Amino acid sequence: MSSSPRRYYLHVRLARAKRLIEQTELPMVEIAIACGFVSASHFSKCFRAVFDINPSAYRN
């Protein structure tokens, strides 16, 4: 396995968040909570670290 279970789970959560951003108009805070993040700011930081774009910019 090339990545830790924690990192794998983070990527699974972010992939789900990415789909929700693409397919819904839910507010970012609701997407963050639905994907297991404790805050929208933590979600945004993780999303940006993996995809090199913040969630709001990705939606637009």
N, C-alpha and C. Protein backbone atom coordinates (compact mmCIF):
# COMPACT_ATOMS: atom_id res chain seq x y z
N MET A 1 0.85 -1.17 0.00
CA MET A 1 0.00 0.00 0.00
C MET A 1 0.90 1.24 0.00
N SER A 2 0.65 2.14 -0.90
CA SER A 2 1.52 3.30 -1.05
C SER A 2 1.14 4.46 -0.13
N SER A 3 -0.03 4.45 0.43
CA SER A 3 -0.42 5.53 1.33
C SER A 3 -1.01 4.95 2.61
N SER A 4 -0.99 5.76 3.64
CA SER A 4 -1.52 5.31 4.93
C SER A 4 -3.05 5.22 4.86
N PRO A 5 -3.64 4.44 5.75
CA PRO A 5 -5.11 4.38 5.79
C PRO A 5 -5.74 5.76 6.02
N ARG A 6 -5.10 6.56 6.84
CA ARG A 6 -5.62 7.90 7.12
C ARG A 6 -5.65 8.76 5.85
N ARG A 7 -4.56 8.71 5.09
CA ARG A 7 -4.49 9.48 3.84
C ARG A 7 -5.51 8.95 2.83
N TYR A 8 -5.64 7.63 2.74
CA TYR A 8 -6.62 7.03 1.83
C TYR A 8 -8.03 7.50 2.18
N TYR A 9 -8.37 7.47 3.48
CA TYR A 9 -9.70 7.89 3.92
C TYR A 9 -9.93 9.37 3.61
N LEU A 10 -8.90 10.19 3.77
CA LEU A 10 -9.02 11.61 3.42
C LEU A 10 -9.36 11.76 1.94
N HIS A 11 -8.68 11.00 1.09
CA HIS A 11 -8.94 11.09 -0.35
C HIS A 11 -10.35 10.60 -0.70
N VAL A 12 -10.83 9.59 -0.01
CA VAL A 12 -12.20 9.11 -0.22
C VAL A 12 -13.20 10.21 0.15
N ARG A 13 -12.98 10.86 1.29
CA ARG A 13 -13.87 11.94 1.73
C ARG A 13 -13.82 13.12 0.76
N LEU A 14 -12.63 13.44 0.27
CA LEU A 14 -12.51 14.56 -0.67
C LEU A 14 -13.13 14.22 -2.03
N ALA A 15 -13.03 12.97 -2.45
CA ALA A 15 -13.67 12.57 -3.71
C ALA A 15 -15.19 12.70 -3.59
N ARG A 16 -15.73 12.33 -2.44
CA ARG A 16 -17.17 12.50 -2.21
C ARG A 16 -17.54 13.98 -2.22
N ALA A 17 -16.74 14.79 -1.57
CA ALA A 17 -16.99 16.23 -1.54
C ALA A 17 -16.95 16.81 -2.95
N LYS A 18 -16.00 16.37 -3.74
CA LYS A 18 -15.88 16.86 -5.12
C LYS A 18 -17.15 16.54 -5.91
N ARG A 19 -17.66 15.33 -5.73
CA ARG A 19 -18.92 14.95 -6.41
C ARG A 19 -20.08 15.82 -5.94
N LEU A 20 -20.16 16.07 -4.64
CA LEU A 20 -21.24 16.92 -4.12
C LEU A 20 -21.14 18.34 -4.65
N ILE A 21 -19.93 18.85 -4.78
CA ILE A 21 -19.75 20.19 -5.34
C ILE A 21 -20.22 20.22 -6.78
N GLU A 22 -19.90 19.18 -7.54
CA GLU A 22 -20.27 19.13 -8.96
C GLU A 22 -21.77 18.93 -9.17
N GLN A 23 -22.39 18.13 -8.30
CA GLN A 23 -23.75 17.67 -8.56
C GLN A 23 -24.84 18.36 -7.74
N THR A 24 -24.45 19.17 -6.76
CA THR A 24 -25.45 19.83 -5.91
C THR A 24 -25.11 21.31 -5.77
N GLU A 25 -26.04 22.01 -5.17
CA GLU A 25 -25.82 23.43 -4.84
C GLU A 25 -25.73 23.60 -3.32
N LEU A 26 -25.42 22.53 -2.61
CA LEU A 26 -25.30 22.60 -1.15
C LEU A 26 -24.22 23.61 -0.76
N PRO A 27 -24.43 24.32 0.34
CA PRO A 27 -23.38 25.21 0.84
C PRO A 27 -22.14 24.41 1.22
N MET A 28 -20.98 25.02 1.13
CA MET A 28 -19.73 24.34 1.43
C MET A 28 -19.70 23.79 2.85
N VAL A 29 -20.28 24.50 3.79
CA VAL A 29 -20.27 24.02 5.17
C VAL A 29 -21.06 22.72 5.29
N GLU A 30 -22.15 22.58 4.57
CA GLU A 30 -22.93 21.34 4.60
C GLU A 30 -22.17 20.20 3.93
N ILE A 31 -21.48 20.50 2.85
CA ILE A 31 -20.65 19.49 2.18
C ILE A 31 -19.53 19.04 3.12
N ALA A 32 -18.91 20.00 3.78
CA ALA A 32 -17.82 19.67 4.71
C ALA A 32 -18.31 18.73 5.80
N ILE A 33 -19.44 19.05 6.40
CA ILE A 33 -19.99 18.23 7.48
C ILE A 33 -20.41 16.86 6.95
N ALA A 34 -21.05 16.82 5.79
CA ALA A 34 -21.49 15.56 5.21
C ALA A 34 -20.32 14.62 4.90
N CYS A 35 -19.16 15.20 4.67
CA CYS A 35 -17.98 14.40 4.32
C CYS A 35 -17.05 14.17 5.51
N GLY A 36 -17.51 14.55 6.69
CA GLY A 36 -16.78 14.22 7.90
C GLY A 36 -15.75 15.22 8.37
N PHE A 37 -15.78 16.42 7.84
CA PHE A 37 -14.84 17.45 8.28
C PHE A 37 -15.47 18.22 9.44
N VAL A 38 -14.64 18.67 10.37
CA VAL A 38 -15.16 19.36 11.56
C VAL A 38 -15.50 20.81 11.29
N SER A 39 -14.96 21.37 10.21
CA SER A 39 -15.25 22.76 9.88
C SER A 39 -15.06 22.98 8.38
N ALA A 40 -15.69 24.03 7.89
CA ALA A 40 -15.54 24.38 6.48
C ALA A 40 -14.11 24.82 6.18
N SER A 41 -13.46 25.46 7.13
CA SER A 41 -12.09 25.92 6.88
C SER A 41 -11.12 24.75 6.80
N HIS A 42 -11.31 23.74 7.64
CA HIS A 42 -10.44 22.55 7.55
C HIS A 42 -10.69 21.81 6.24
N PHE A 43 -11.95 21.69 5.85
CA PHE A 43 -12.29 21.08 4.57
C PHE A 43 -11.62 21.82 3.42
N SER A 44 -11.72 23.14 3.43
CA SER A 44 -11.14 23.95 2.36
C SER A 44 -9.62 23.77 2.29
N LYS A 45 -8.99 23.73 3.44
CA LYS A 45 -7.53 23.55 3.49
C LYS A 45 -7.14 22.20 2.91
N CYS A 46 -7.83 21.14 3.27
CA CYS A 46 -7.53 19.80 2.76
C CYS A 46 -7.81 19.71 1.26
N PHE A 47 -8.94 20.26 0.83
CA PHE A 47 -9.32 20.24 -0.58
C PHE A 47 -8.26 20.94 -1.42
N ARG A 48 -7.84 22.11 -0.97
CA ARG A 48 -6.84 22.90 -1.69
C ARG A 48 -5.49 22.17 -1.74
N ALA A 49 -5.13 21.49 -0.67
CA ALA A 49 -3.86 20.76 -0.61
C ALA A 49 -3.83 19.61 -1.61
N VAL A 50 -4.98 18.97 -1.83
CA VAL A 50 -5.03 17.81 -2.73
C VAL A 50 -5.28 18.22 -4.17
N PHE A 51 -6.21 19.16 -4.40
CA PHE A 51 -6.62 19.50 -5.77
C PHE A 51 -6.05 20.82 -6.30
N ASP A 52 -5.27 21.52 -5.49
CA ASP A 52 -4.64 22.80 -5.89
C ASP A 52 -5.64 23.88 -6.29
N ILE A 53 -6.84 23.81 -5.74
CA ILE A 53 -7.86 24.83 -5.96
C ILE A 53 -8.80 24.79 -4.77
N ASN A 54 -9.33 25.94 -4.38
CA ASN A 54 -10.25 25.89 -3.24
C ASN A 54 -11.63 25.44 -3.72
N PRO A 55 -12.45 24.90 -2.82
CA PRO A 55 -13.74 24.34 -3.22
C PRO A 55 -14.67 25.33 -3.92
N SER A 56 -14.71 26.56 -3.47
CA SER A 56 -15.58 27.55 -4.11
C SER A 56 -15.15 27.85 -5.53
N ALA A 57 -13.87 27.97 -5.75
CA ALA A 57 -13.36 28.20 -7.11
C ALA A 57 -13.61 26.98 -7.99
N TYR A 58 -13.51 25.79 -7.41
CA TYR A 58 -13.78 24.57 -8.18
C TYR A 58 -15.23 24.54 -8.64
N ARG A 59 -16.14 24.96 -7.78
CA ARG A 59 -17.56 24.97 -8.14
C ARG A 59 -17.82 25.93 -9.29
N ASN A 60 -17.14 27.06 -9.32
CA ASN A 60 -17.35 28.06 -10.36
C ASN A 60 -16.60 27.67 -11.60
